[in-house]
Amino acid sequence: MNARTGAATAPSLVALGMDRWRVLDGAGVVIGVVDALLRPEGTCYRARRYRWSSRSFVDVGEFWRRDDAVAVLRRG
């Protein structure tokens, strides 16, 4: 959330190669990663949330659109 307006700040993506992106919240804190996966049906995107308590990633799901994978991480 933006402290002044109360509006949610869109997450930002940092490319970590050709098929992986780090997802940062509005404050620049890592909330997860999105991986592009090649499937027979086409490319899908796997969202993985970073869990600070265990310093590991947890699979959230696979999506046909990268924006959907990012959105699920943003929603917490």
C-alpha atoms as a PDB file:
ATOM      1  CA  MET A   1       0.000   0.000   0.000  1.00  0.00           C
ATOM      2  CA  ASN A   2       1.094   3.512  -0.678  1.00  0.00           C
ATOM      3  CA  ALA A   3       1.286   5.284   2.691  1.00  0.00           C
ATOM      4  CA  ARG A   4      -0.083   8.566   1.341  1.00  0.00           C
ATOM      5  CA  THR A   5      -2.989   7.374  -0.778  1.00  0.00           C
ATOM      6  CA  GLY A   6      -3.673   3.896   0.576  1.00  0.00           C
ATOM      7  CA  ALA A   7      -3.470   2.583  -3.004  1.00  0.00           C
ATOM      8  CA  ALA A   8      -1.727  -0.704  -3.712  1.00  0.00           C
ATOM      9  CA  THR A   9       1.589  -0.295  -5.497  1.00  0.00           C
ATOM     10  CA  ALA A  10       2.148  -2.590  -8.444  1.00  0.00           C
ATOM     11  CA  PRO A  11       4.903  -5.151  -7.987  1.00  0.00           C
ATOM     12  CA  SER A  12       8.021  -4.803 -10.090  1.00  0.00           C
ATOM     13  CA  LEU A  13       9.854  -7.533 -11.970  1.00  0.00           C
ATOM     14  CA  VAL A  14      13.604  -8.023 -12.204  1.00  0.00           C
ATOM     15  CA  ALA A  15      14.776 -10.396 -14.938  1.00  0.00           C
ATOM     16  CA  LEU A  16      17.040 -13.157 -13.635  1.00  0.00           C
ATOM     17  CA  GLY A  17      17.639 -14.668 -17.059  1.00  0.00           C
ATOM     18  CA  MET A  18      15.528 -15.601 -20.059  1.00  0.00           C
ATOM     19  CA  ASP A  19      12.823 -17.449 -18.136  1.00  0.00           C
ATOM     20  CA  ARG A  20      12.844 -16.262 -14.498  1.00  0.00           C
ATOM     21  CA  TRP A  21      11.778 -13.015 -12.829  1.00  0.00           C
ATOM     22  CA  ARG A  22      12.144 -11.841  -9.244  1.00  0.00           C
ATOM     23  CA  VAL A  23       8.938 -10.178  -8.004  1.00  0.00           C
ATOM     24  CA  LEU A  24       9.324  -7.198  -5.647  1.00  0.00           C
ATOM     25  CA  ASP A  25       6.575  -5.413  -3.737  1.00  0.00           C
ATOM     26  CA  GLY A  26       6.206  -1.619  -3.819  1.00  0.00           C
ATOM     27  CA  ALA A  27       8.839  -1.239  -1.079  1.00  0.00           C
ATOM     28  CA  GLY A  28      11.370  -3.335  -3.019  1.00  0.00           C
ATOM     29  CA  VAL A  29      11.021  -6.418  -0.814  1.00  0.00           C
ATOM     30  CA  VAL A  30      11.223  -9.815  -2.552  1.00  0.00           C
ATOM     31  CA  ILE A  31       7.821 -11.542  -2.517  1.00  0.00           C
ATOM     32  CA  GLY A  32       8.628 -14.372  -4.917  1.00  0.00           C
ATOM     33  CA  VAL A  33       9.750 -15.504  -8.339  1.00  0.00           C
ATOM     34  CA  VAL A  34       7.985 -16.398 -11.577  1.00  0.00           C
ATOM     35  CA  ASP A  35       9.436 -19.076 -13.865  1.00  0.00           C
ATOM     36  CA  ALA A  36       8.472 -19.625 -17.518  1.00  0.00           C
ATOM     37  CA  LEU A  37       7.945 -23.339 -18.218  1.00  0.00           C
ATOM     38  CA  LEU A  38       7.643 -24.911 -21.667  1.00  0.00           C
ATOM     39  CA  ARG A  39       4.732 -27.340 -21.890  1.00  0.00           C
ATOM     40  CA  PRO A  40       3.349 -29.224 -24.926  1.00  0.00           C
ATOM     41  CA  GLU A  41       0.353 -26.835 -24.811  1.00  0.00           C
ATOM     42  CA  GLY A  42       2.570 -23.737 -24.690  1.00  0.00           C
ATOM     43  CA  THR A  43       4.420 -21.630 -22.154  1.00  0.00           C
ATOM     44  CA  CYS A  44       3.026 -21.437 -18.637  1.00  0.00           C
ATOM     45  CA  TYR A  45       4.274 -19.481 -15.645  1.00  0.00           C
ATOM     46  CA  ARG A  46       4.904 -20.900 -12.169  1.00  0.00           C
ATOM     47  CA  ALA A  47       4.567 -18.548  -9.191  1.00  0.00           C
ATOM     48  CA  ARG A  48       6.699 -19.303  -6.140  1.00  0.00           C
ATOM     49  CA  ARG A  49       6.293 -17.227  -2.959  1.00  0.00           C
ATOM     50  CA  TYR A  50       9.347 -16.463  -0.839  1.00  0.00           C
ATOM     51  CA  ARG A  51       8.820 -17.477   2.776  1.00  0.00           C
ATOM     52  CA  TRP A  52      11.100 -15.378   4.970  1.00  0.00           C
ATOM     53  CA  SER A  53      10.707 -17.593   8.040  1.00  0.00           C
ATOM     54  CA  SER A  54      12.218 -20.629   6.311  1.00  0.00           C
ATOM     55  CA  ARG A  55      14.230 -18.746   3.663  1.00  0.00           C
ATOM     56  CA  SER A  56      12.703 -20.902   0.953  1.00  0.00           C
ATOM     57  CA  PHE A  57      10.207 -20.751  -1.900  1.00  0.00           C
ATOM     58  CA  VAL A  58       6.741 -22.310  -1.857  1.00  0.00           C
ATOM     59  CA  ASP A  59       4.906 -23.152  -5.092  1.00  0.00           C
ATOM     60  CA  VAL A  60       1.679 -21.165  -5.437  1.00  0.00           C
ATOM     61  CA  GLY A  61       0.503 -22.381  -8.853  1.00  0.00           C
ATOM     62  CA  GLU A  62       0.933 -22.407 -12.618  1.00  0.00           C
ATOM     63  CA  PHE A  63      -0.768 -19.927 -14.928  1.00  0.00           C
ATOM     64  CA  TRP A  64      -1.029 -19.357 -18.674  1.00  0.00           C
ATOM     65  CA  ARG A  65      -0.289 -15.634 -18.320  1.00  0.00           C
ATOM     66  CA  ARG A  66       2.717 -14.149 -16.543  1.00  0.00           C
ATOM     67  CA  ASP A  67       0.559 -11.299 -15.245  1.00  0.00           C
ATOM     68  CA  ASP A  68      -1.684 -13.820 -13.469  1.00  0.00           C
ATOM     69  CA  ALA A  69       1.323 -15.440 -11.779  1.00  0.00           C
ATOM     70  CA  VAL A  70       2.531 -12.031 -10.588  1.00  0.00           C
ATOM     71  CA  ALA A  71      -0.962 -11.068  -9.408  1.00  0.00           C
ATOM     72  CA  VAL A  72      -1.293 -14.130  -7.170  1.00  0.00           C
ATOM     73  CA  LEU A  73       1.992 -13.214  -5.475  1.00  0.00           C
ATOM     74  CA  ARG A  74       0.862  -9.622  -5.037  1.00  0.00           C
ATOM     75  CA  ARG A  75      -2.350 -10.672  -3.294  1.00  0.00           C
ATOM     76  CA  GLY A  76      -0.366 -12.463  -0.626  1.00  0.00           C
END
